[in-house]
Structures are given as C-alpha cells and as structure tokens.
Amino acid sequence: MKIETQYSYEKVYRVTSESDILKIIAQEVGDADPEGTLKYIKEAIKNSKVILVGSCRFREVKEIK
C-alpha cells in the first residue's frame, strides 16, 4: 500500500515511505505509539478516507486502471 502525505501548508500530496511516515507521526503526536497510529491510518484509508494527524493528512494512492 502506498500512502500520500500533505501538511496543512502544502498544496500537493506526496508519496511517502513508511519509515518517513513513522517519523511524521512521532513528530506530530509526541508520546503516542507511532506504529499503532500507522496501523490505524492504514485501516482507515482503505475506505477512501483522508486521515488528519496533527497538521498532516494521509490518504491511499489510487491506482489508475
């Protein structure tokens, strides 16, 4: 699964690696469990939702068929 991220001050989404996503989550939520939060994000974005964590949005990359 590919995940795109976008900070609130950015205009475009970018494909982001899982290791970078974990760093973003740790930076945005501090003491919370980054791996557990990533697991939640992956489940939630499967249903075409956009998840906001702090000031960063996460969504699944949609494949063009």
PDB file of N, CA and C in Angstrom:
ATOM      1  N   MET A   1       0.847  -1.175   0.000  1.00  0.00           N
ATOM      2  CA  MET A   1       0.000   0.000   0.000  1.00  0.00           C
ATOM      3  C   MET A   1       0.893   1.239   0.000  1.00  0.00           C
ATOM      4  N   LYS A   2       0.618   2.154  -0.926  1.00  0.00           N
ATOM      5  CA  LYS A   2       1.339   3.415  -0.978  1.00  0.00           C
ATOM      6  C   LYS A   2       0.485   4.478  -0.307  1.00  0.00           C
ATOM      7  N   ILE A   3       1.145   5.314   0.481  1.00  0.00           N
ATOM      8  CA  ILE A   3       0.446   6.359   1.220  1.00  0.00           C
ATOM      9  C   ILE A   3       1.011   7.718   0.813  1.00  0.00           C
ATOM     10  N   GLU A   4       0.101   8.661   0.600  1.00  0.00           N
ATOM     11  CA  GLU A   4       0.491  10.030   0.299  1.00  0.00           C
ATOM     12  C   GLU A   4       0.278  10.891   1.539  1.00  0.00           C
ATOM     13  N   THR A   5       1.151  11.882   1.715  1.00  0.00           N
ATOM     14  CA  THR A   5       1.022  12.806   2.835  1.00  0.00           C
ATOM     15  C   THR A   5       0.965  14.236   2.324  1.00  0.00           C
ATOM     16  N   GLN A   6       0.332  15.082   3.125  1.00  0.00           N
ATOM     17  CA  GLN A   6       0.250  16.509   2.800  1.00  0.00           C
ATOM     18  C   GLN A   6       0.120  17.282   4.108  1.00  0.00           C
ATOM     19  N   TYR A   7       1.061  18.182   4.357  1.00  0.00           N
ATOM     20  CA  TYR A   7       0.932  19.072   5.515  1.00  0.00           C
ATOM     21  C   TYR A   7      -0.086  20.158   5.182  1.00  0.00           C
ATOM     22  N   SER A   8      -0.657  20.759   6.195  1.00  0.00           N
ATOM     23  CA  SER A   8      -1.702  21.757   6.002  1.00  0.00           C
ATOM     24  C   SER A   8      -1.217  22.968   5.194  1.00  0.00           C
ATOM     25  N   TYR A   9       0.062  23.258   5.228  1.00  0.00           N
ATOM     26  CA  TYR A   9       0.601  24.410   4.495  1.00  0.00           C
ATOM     27  C   TYR A   9       1.038  24.052   3.070  1.00  0.00           C
ATOM     28  N   GLU A  10       0.928  22.774   2.680  1.00  0.00           N
ATOM     29  CA  GLU A  10       1.308  22.343   1.330  1.00  0.00           C
ATOM     30  C   GLU A  10       0.083  22.261   0.434  1.00  0.00           C
ATOM     31  N   LYS A  11       0.315  22.329  -0.867  1.00  0.00           N
ATOM     32  CA  LYS A  11      -0.792  22.276  -1.821  1.00  0.00           C
ATOM     33  C   LYS A  11      -0.917  20.928  -2.517  1.00  0.00           C
ATOM     34  N   VAL A  12       0.121  20.111  -2.470  1.00  0.00           N
ATOM     35  CA  VAL A  12       0.100  18.826  -3.165  1.00  0.00           C
ATOM     36  C   VAL A  12       0.408  17.684  -2.203  1.00  0.00           C
ATOM     37  N   TYR A  13      -0.105  16.510  -2.534  1.00  0.00           N
ATOM     38  CA  TYR A  13       0.215  15.289  -1.787  1.00  0.00           C
ATOM     39  C   TYR A  13       1.489  14.694  -2.358  1.00  0.00           C
ATOM     40  N   ARG A  14       2.253  14.022  -1.491  1.00  0.00           N
ATOM     41  CA  ARG A  14       3.482  13.347  -1.916  1.00  0.00           C
ATOM     42  C   ARG A  14       3.471  11.907  -1.414  1.00  0.00           C
ATOM     43  N   VAL A  15       3.929  10.982  -2.264  1.00  0.00           N
ATOM     44  CA  VAL A  15       4.080   9.596  -1.833  1.00  0.00           C
ATOM     45  C   VAL A  15       5.214   9.573  -0.811  1.00  0.00           C
ATOM     46  N   THR A  16       4.963   8.922   0.328  1.00  0.00           N
ATOM     47  CA  THR A  16       5.911   8.938   1.435  1.00  0.00           C
ATOM     48  C   THR A  16       6.199   7.512   1.886  1.00  0.00           C
ATOM     49  N   SER A  17       7.455   7.232   2.187  1.00  0.00           N
ATOM     50  CA  SER A  17       7.846   5.894   2.640  1.00  0.00           C
ATOM     51  C   SER A  17       7.330   5.657   4.061  1.00  0.00           C
ATOM     52  N   GLU A  18       7.198   4.389   4.419  1.00  0.00           N
ATOM     53  CA  GLU A  18       6.668   4.029   5.728  1.00  0.00           C
ATOM     54  C   GLU A  18       7.570   4.529   6.862  1.00  0.00           C
ATOM     55  N   SER A  19       8.877   4.490   6.654  1.00  0.00           N
ATOM     56  CA  SER A  19       9.791   4.967   7.703  1.00  0.00           C
ATOM     57  C   SER A  19       9.630   6.473   7.919  1.00  0.00           C
ATOM     58  N   ASP A  20       9.423   7.221   6.837  1.00  0.00           N
ATOM     59  CA  ASP A  20       9.201   8.656   6.971  1.00  0.00           C
ATOM     60  C   ASP A  20       7.849   8.953   7.613  1.00  0.00           C
ATOM     61  N   ILE A  21       6.847   8.129   7.319  1.00  0.00           N
ATOM     62  CA  ILE A  21       5.529   8.303   7.934  1.00  0.00           C
ATOM     63  C   ILE A  21       5.620   8.105   9.437  1.00  0.00           C
ATOM     64  N   LEU A  22       6.385   7.112   9.879  1.00  0.00           N
ATOM     65  CA  LEU A  22       6.574   6.886  11.316  1.00  0.00           C
ATOM     66  C   LEU A  22       7.238   8.101  11.975  1.00  0.00           C
ATOM     67  N   LYS A  23       8.191   8.728  11.281  1.00  0.00           N
ATOM     68  CA  LYS A  23       8.843   9.925  11.808  1.00  0.00           C
ATOM     69  C   LYS A  23       7.845  11.081  11.907  1.00  0.00           C
ATOM     70  N   ILE A  24       6.998  11.228  10.881  1.00  0.00           N
ATOM     71  CA  ILE A  24       5.987  12.288  10.877  1.00  0.00           C
ATOM     72  C   ILE A  24       5.028  12.095  12.051  1.00  0.00           C
ATOM     73  N   ILE A  25       4.565  10.866  12.226  1.00  0.00           N
ATOM     74  CA  ILE A  25       3.618  10.575  13.318  1.00  0.00           C
ATOM     75  C   ILE A  25       4.256  10.883  14.663  1.00  0.00           C
ATOM     76  N   ALA A  26       5.489  10.450  14.865  1.00  0.00           N
ATOM     77  CA  ALA A  26       6.185  10.700  16.129  1.00  0.00           C
ATOM     78  C   ALA A  26       6.332  12.198  16.373  1.00  0.00           C
ATOM     79  N   GLN A  27       6.602  12.938  15.326  1.00  0.00           N
ATOM     80  CA  GLN A  27       6.756  14.386  15.443  1.00  0.00           C
ATOM     81  C   GLN A  27       5.416  15.063  15.755  1.00  0.00           C
ATOM     82  N   GLU A  28       4.340  14.587  15.148  1.00  0.00           N
ATOM     83  CA  GLU A  28       3.035  15.225  15.295  1.00  0.00           C
ATOM     84  C   GLU A  28       2.331  14.877  16.602  1.00  0.00           C
ATOM     85  N   VAL A  29       2.471  13.640  17.092  1.00  0.00           N
ATOM     86  CA  VAL A  29       1.714  13.222  18.277  1.00  0.00           C
ATOM     87  C   VAL A  29       2.581  12.971  19.506  1.00  0.00           C
ATOM     88  N   GLY A  30       3.859  13.104  19.383  1.00  0.00           N
ATOM     89  CA  GLY A  30       4.735  13.003  20.552  1.00  0.00           C
ATOM     90  C   GLY A  30       4.822  11.613  21.145  1.00  0.00           C
ATOM     91  N   ASP A  31       4.284  11.427  22.355  1.00  0.00           N
ATOM     92  CA  ASP A  31       4.457  10.190  23.114  1.00  0.00           C
ATOM     93  C   ASP A  31       3.565   9.038  22.664  1.00  0.00           C
ATOM     94  N   ALA A  32       2.649   9.282  21.754  1.00  0.00           N
ATOM     95  CA  ALA A  32       1.749   8.216  21.291  1.00  0.00           C
ATOM     96  C   ALA A  32       2.536   7.153  20.524  1.00  0.00           C
ATOM     97  N   ASP A  33       1.957   5.993  20.378  1.00  0.00           N
ATOM     98  CA  ASP A  33       2.587   4.865  19.688  1.00  0.00           C
ATOM     99  C   ASP A  33       2.541   5.076  18.169  1.00  0.00           C
ATOM    100  N   PRO A  34       3.675   5.414  17.525  1.00  0.00           N
ATOM    101  CA  PRO A  34       3.669   5.664  16.078  1.00  0.00           C
ATOM    102  C   PRO A  34       3.242   4.445  15.252  1.00  0.00           C
ATOM    103  N   GLU A  35       3.677   3.249  15.653  1.00  0.00           N
ATOM    104  CA  GLU A  35       3.332   2.049  14.890  1.00  0.00           C
ATOM    105  C   GLU A  35       1.842   1.740  14.990  1.00  0.00           C
ATOM    106  N   GLY A  36       1.263   1.929  16.157  1.00  0.00           N
ATOM    107  CA  GLY A  36      -0.170   1.727  16.336  1.00  0.00           C
ATOM    108  C   GLY A  36      -0.974   2.748  15.554  1.00  0.00           C
ATOM    109  N   THR A  37      -0.493   3.986  15.535  1.00  0.00           N
ATOM    110  CA  THR A  37      -1.164   5.043  14.772  1.00  0.00           C
ATOM    111  C   THR A  37      -1.086   4.749  13.286  1.00  0.00           C
ATOM    112  N   LEU A  38       0.059   4.261  12.807  1.00  0.00           N
ATOM    113  CA  LEU A  38       0.208   3.909  11.394  1.00  0.00           C
ATOM    114  C   LEU A  38      -0.737   2.774  11.025  1.00  0.00           C
ATOM    115  N   LYS A  39      -0.861   1.808  11.898  1.00  0.00           N
ATOM    116  CA  LYS A  39      -1.783   0.690  11.661  1.00  0.00           C
ATOM    117  C   LYS A  39      -3.213   1.209  11.514  1.00  0.00           C
ATOM    118  N   TYR A  40      -3.615   2.136  12.401  1.00  0.00           N
ATOM    119  CA  TYR A  40      -4.947   2.745  12.324  1.00  0.00           C
ATOM    120  C   TYR A  40      -5.119   3.510  11.013  1.00  0.00           C
ATOM    121  N   ILE A  41      -4.114   4.277  10.621  1.00  0.00           N
ATOM    122  CA  ILE A  41      -4.183   5.057   9.381  1.00  0.00           C
ATOM    123  C   ILE A  41      -4.381   4.133   8.189  1.00  0.00           C
ATOM    124  N   LYS A  42      -3.617   3.035   8.142  1.00  0.00           N
ATOM    125  CA  LYS A  42      -3.733   2.091   7.023  1.00  0.00           C
ATOM    126  C   LYS A  42      -5.134   1.500   6.928  1.00  0.00           C
ATOM    127  N   GLU A  43      -5.731   1.153   8.063  1.00  0.00           N
ATOM    128  CA  GLU A  43      -7.089   0.599   8.061  1.00  0.00           C
ATOM    129  C   GLU A  43      -8.106   1.644   7.614  1.00  0.00           C
ATOM    130  N   ALA A  44      -7.955   2.860   8.090  1.00  0.00           N
ATOM    131  CA  ALA A  44      -8.932   3.902   7.800  1.00  0.00           C
ATOM    132  C   ALA A  44      -8.883   4.368   6.341  1.00  0.00           C
ATOM    133  N   ILE A  45      -7.696   4.452   5.761  1.00  0.00           N
ATOM    134  CA  ILE A  45      -7.604   4.974   4.399  1.00  0.00           C
ATOM    135  C   ILE A  45      -7.983   3.932   3.349  1.00  0.00           C
ATOM    136  N   LYS A  46      -8.146   2.681   3.749  1.00  0.00           N
ATOM    137  CA  LYS A  46      -8.616   1.661   2.806  1.00  0.00           C
ATOM    138  C   LYS A  46     -10.006   1.995   2.279  1.00  0.00           C
ATOM    139  N   ASN A  47     -10.776   2.732   3.053  1.00  0.00           N
ATOM    140  CA  ASN A  47     -12.144   3.096   2.681  1.00  0.00           C
ATOM    141  C   ASN A  47     -12.197   4.469   2.021  1.00  0.00           C
ATOM    142  N   SER A  48     -11.120   4.864   1.352  1.00  0.00           N
ATOM    143  CA  SER A  48     -11.034   6.139   0.639  1.00  0.00           C
ATOM    144  C   SER A  48     -11.198   7.351   1.548  1.00  0.00           C
ATOM    145  N   LYS A  49     -10.789   7.220   2.788  1.00  0.00           N
ATOM    146  CA  LYS A  49     -10.854   8.346   3.714  1.00  0.00           C
ATOM    147  C   LYS A  49      -9.509   9.056   3.764  1.00  0.00           C
ATOM    148  N   VAL A  50      -9.555  10.317   4.155  1.00  0.00           N
ATOM    149  CA  VAL A  50      -8.351  11.091   4.421  1.00  0.00           C
ATOM    150  C   VAL A  50      -8.272  11.255   5.925  1.00  0.00           C
ATOM    151  N   ILE A  51      -7.139  10.883   6.503  1.00  0.00           N
ATOM    152  CA  ILE A  51      -6.947  10.935   7.947  1.00  0.00           C
ATOM    153  C   ILE A  51      -6.017  12.099   8.280  1.00  0.00           C
ATOM    154  N   LEU A  52      -6.386  12.884   9.263  1.00  0.00           N
ATOM    155  CA  LEU A  52      -5.586  14.017   9.705  1.00  0.00           C
ATOM    156  C   LEU A  52      -4.940  13.672  11.049  1.00  0.00           C
ATOM    157  N   VAL A  53      -3.611  13.742  11.095  1.00  0.00           N
ATOM    158  CA  VAL A  53      -2.858  13.527  12.337  1.00  0.00           C
ATOM    159  C   VAL A  53      -2.027  14.784  12.549  1.00  0.00           C
ATOM    160  N   GLY A  54      -2.388  15.550  13.547  1.00  0.00           N
ATOM    161  CA  GLY A  54      -1.720  16.838  13.755  1.00  0.00           C
ATOM    162  C   GLY A  54      -2.011  17.743  12.580  1.00  0.00           C
ATOM    163  N   SER A  55      -0.973  18.184  11.885  1.00  0.00           N
ATOM    164  CA  SER A  55      -1.167  19.055  10.722  1.00  0.00           C
ATOM    165  C   SER A  55      -0.856  18.333   9.411  1.00  0.00           C
ATOM    166  N   CYS A  56      -0.853  16.998   9.437  1.00  0.00           N
ATOM    167  CA  CYS A  56      -0.534  16.210   8.254  1.00  0.00           C
ATOM    168  C   CYS A  56      -1.699  15.306   7.874  1.00  0.00           C
ATOM    169  N   ARG A  57      -2.040  15.315   6.582  1.00  0.00           N
ATOM    170  CA  ARG A  57      -3.104  14.456   6.068  1.00  0.00           C
ATOM    171  C   ARG A  57      -2.483  13.216   5.421  1.00  0.00           C
ATOM    172  N   PHE A  58      -3.204  12.110   5.527  1.00  0.00           N
ATOM    173  CA  PHE A  58      -2.762  10.843   4.943  1.00  0.00           C
ATOM    174  C   PHE A  58      -3.884  10.286   4.082  1.00  0.00           C
ATOM    175  N   ARG A  59      -3.538   9.767   2.907  1.00  0.00           N
ATOM    176  CA  ARG A  59      -4.501   9.085   2.050  1.00  0.00           C
ATOM    177  C   ARG A  59      -3.796   8.016   1.236  1.00  0.00           C
ATOM    178  N   GLU A  60      -4.593   7.059   0.758  1.00  0.00           N
ATOM    179  CA  GLU A  60      -4.044   5.970  -0.051  1.00  0.00           C
ATOM    180  C   GLU A  60      -3.872   6.448  -1.488  1.00  0.00           C
ATOM    181  N   VAL A  61      -2.801   6.012  -2.130  1.00  0.00           N
ATOM    182  CA  VAL A  61      -2.582   6.322  -3.535  1.00  0.00           C
ATOM    183  C   VAL A  61      -3.552   5.476  -4.349  1.00  0.00           C
ATOM    184  N   LYS A  62      -4.324   6.108  -5.177  1.00  0.00           N
ATOM    185  CA  LYS A  62      -5.271   5.414  -6.031  1.00  0.00           C
ATOM    186  C   LYS A  62      -4.599   5.059  -7.352  1.00  0.00           C
ATOM    187  N   GLU A  63      -4.606   3.781  -7.675  1.00  0.00           N
ATOM    188  CA  GLU A  63      -4.047   3.299  -8.930  1.00  0.00           C
ATOM    189  C   GLU A  63      -5.010   3.602 -10.070  1.00  0.00           C
ATOM    190  N   ILE A  64      -4.513   4.131 -11.166  1.00  0.00           N
ATOM    191  CA  ILE A  64      -5.342   4.381 -12.338  1.00  0.00           C
ATOM    192  C   ILE A  64      -5.347   3.112 -13.183  1.00  0.00           C
ATOM    193  N   LYS A  65      -6.543   2.617 -13.464  1.00  0.00           N
ATOM    194  CA  LYS A  65      -6.643   1.363 -14.221  1.00  0.00           C
ATOM    195  C   LYS A  65      -7.063   1.600 -15.629  1.00  0.00           C
TER     196      LYS A  65
END
